[in-house]
Amino acid sequence: MICYLYESHLGDYYIENHELPYDELYCSSCNDSDELIGSFKNEHELKQLLEEEGVFDEYIETIVRKWKAEE
């Protein structure tokens, strides 16, 4: 299954099982939007995306654990 990694306009990362339309990414309160970082198929690809974003190793492990728990 393909999953999608997003960076929230508030700075957190989250994962969805489908690509979100722009209107779900846009925040009308602050006129900002979340950003699609990329898609991935496995843990290795997820870690690569996060590493390319410059995410700290500890936070990467937290994101991966959360993703695995929700699978």
C-alpha atoms as a PDB file:
ATOM      1  CA  MET A   1       0.000   0.000   0.000  1.00  0.00           C
ATOM      2  CA  ILE A   2       1.207   3.523  -0.753  1.00  0.00           C
ATOM      3  CA  CYS A   3       1.137   6.015   2.124  1.00  0.00           C
ATOM      4  CA  TYR A   4       1.647   9.771   2.058  1.00  0.00           C
ATOM      5  CA  LEU A   5       3.810  11.812   4.411  1.00  0.00           C
ATOM      6  CA  TYR A   6       2.694  15.354   5.166  1.00  0.00           C
ATOM      7  CA  GLU A   7       4.204  18.201   7.137  1.00  0.00           C
ATOM      8  CA  SER A   8       1.592  20.152   9.032  1.00  0.00           C
ATOM      9  CA  HIS A   9       1.704  23.935   8.794  1.00  0.00           C
ATOM     10  CA  LEU A  10       2.175  23.717  12.581  1.00  0.00           C
ATOM     11  CA  GLY A  11       5.406  21.766  12.149  1.00  0.00           C
ATOM     12  CA  ASP A  12       4.399  18.167  12.894  1.00  0.00           C
ATOM     13  CA  TYR A  13       4.445  15.257  10.459  1.00  0.00           C
ATOM     14  CA  TYR A  14       1.547  12.915   9.764  1.00  0.00           C
ATOM     15  CA  ILE A  15       0.747  10.021   7.470  1.00  0.00           C
ATOM     16  CA  GLU A  16      -2.363   9.336   5.398  1.00  0.00           C
ATOM     17  CA  ASN A  17      -3.365   6.286   3.362  1.00  0.00           C
ATOM     18  CA  HIS A  18      -4.535   8.477   0.482  1.00  0.00           C
ATOM     19  CA  GLU A  19      -3.425  11.739  -1.068  1.00  0.00           C
ATOM     20  CA  LEU A  20      -5.353  14.634   0.436  1.00  0.00           C
ATOM     21  CA  PRO A  21      -6.988  17.302  -1.734  1.00  0.00           C
ATOM     22  CA  TYR A  22      -5.783  20.878  -1.303  1.00  0.00           C
ATOM     23  CA  ASP A  23      -8.913  22.008   0.534  1.00  0.00           C
ATOM     24  CA  GLU A  24      -8.115  19.517   3.325  1.00  0.00           C
ATOM     25  CA  LEU A  25      -4.562  20.839   3.576  1.00  0.00           C
ATOM     26  CA  TYR A  26      -5.458  24.528   3.713  1.00  0.00           C
ATOM     27  CA  CYS A  27      -6.044  26.296   7.047  1.00  0.00           C
ATOM     28  CA  SER A  28      -8.364  29.257   6.625  1.00  0.00           C
ATOM     29  CA  SER A  29      -7.576  30.484  10.161  1.00  0.00           C
ATOM     30  CA  CYS A  30      -3.954  31.257   9.388  1.00  0.00           C
ATOM     31  CA  ASN A  31      -3.970  31.164   5.555  1.00  0.00           C
ATOM     32  CA  ASP A  32      -1.294  28.468   5.505  1.00  0.00           C
ATOM     33  CA  SER A  33      -1.401  24.872   4.367  1.00  0.00           C
ATOM     34  CA  ASP A  34       0.131  21.501   5.060  1.00  0.00           C
ATOM     35  CA  GLU A  35       2.655  20.166   2.574  1.00  0.00           C
ATOM     36  CA  LEU A  36       2.914  16.781   0.911  1.00  0.00           C
ATOM     37  CA  ILE A  37       6.481  15.590   1.493  1.00  0.00           C
ATOM     38  CA  GLY A  38       6.183  12.410  -0.544  1.00  0.00           C
ATOM     39  CA  SER A  39       4.830   8.910  -0.806  1.00  0.00           C
ATOM     40  CA  PHE A  40       6.332   5.698   0.510  1.00  0.00           C
ATOM     41  CA  LYS A  41       5.671   1.960   0.518  1.00  0.00           C
ATOM     42  CA  ASN A  42       7.752   0.758   3.455  1.00  0.00           C
ATOM     43  CA  GLU A  43       9.640   1.793   6.569  1.00  0.00           C
ATOM     44  CA  HIS A  44      12.908   2.332   4.700  1.00  0.00           C
ATOM     45  CA  GLU A  45      11.306   4.787   2.257  1.00  0.00           C
ATOM     46  CA  LEU A  46       9.549   6.614   5.115  1.00  0.00           C
ATOM     47  CA  LYS A  47      12.827   7.023   6.967  1.00  0.00           C
ATOM     48  CA  GLN A  48      14.499   8.282   3.779  1.00  0.00           C
ATOM     49  CA  LEU A  49      11.841  10.972   3.313  1.00  0.00           C
ATOM     50  CA  LEU A  50      12.198  12.108   6.914  1.00  0.00           C
ATOM     51  CA  GLU A  51      16.001  12.114   6.741  1.00  0.00           C
ATOM     52  CA  GLU A  52      15.865  14.233   3.572  1.00  0.00           C
ATOM     53  CA  GLU A  53      13.686  16.694   5.518  1.00  0.00           C
ATOM     54  CA  GLY A  54      16.379  16.906   8.209  1.00  0.00           C
ATOM     55  CA  VAL A  55      14.236  15.316  10.925  1.00  0.00           C
ATOM     56  CA  PHE A  56      16.151  14.222  14.039  1.00  0.00           C
ATOM     57  CA  ASP A  57      16.671  10.463  14.468  1.00  0.00           C
ATOM     58  CA  GLU A  58      14.645  10.305  17.695  1.00  0.00           C
ATOM     59  CA  TYR A  59      11.656  11.983  16.054  1.00  0.00           C
ATOM     60  CA  ILE A  60      11.967   9.702  13.020  1.00  0.00           C
ATOM     61  CA  GLU A  61      11.677   6.671  15.303  1.00  0.00           C
ATOM     62  CA  THR A  62       8.610   8.196  16.982  1.00  0.00           C
ATOM     63  CA  ILE A  63       6.908   8.779  13.624  1.00  0.00           C
ATOM     64  CA  VAL A  64       7.749   5.266  12.399  1.00  0.00           C
ATOM     65  CA  ARG A  65       6.451   3.655  15.622  1.00  0.00           C
ATOM     66  CA  LYS A  66       3.202   5.601  15.371  1.00  0.00           C
ATOM     67  CA  TRP A  67       2.779   4.629  11.699  1.00  0.00           C
ATOM     68  CA  LYS A  68       3.395   0.946  12.461  1.00  0.00           C
ATOM     69  CA  ALA A  69       0.892   1.018  15.327  1.00  0.00           C
ATOM     70  CA  GLU A  70      -1.797   2.446  13.031  1.00  0.00           C
ATOM     71  CA  GLU A  71      -1.192  -0.028  10.174  1.00  0.00           C
END
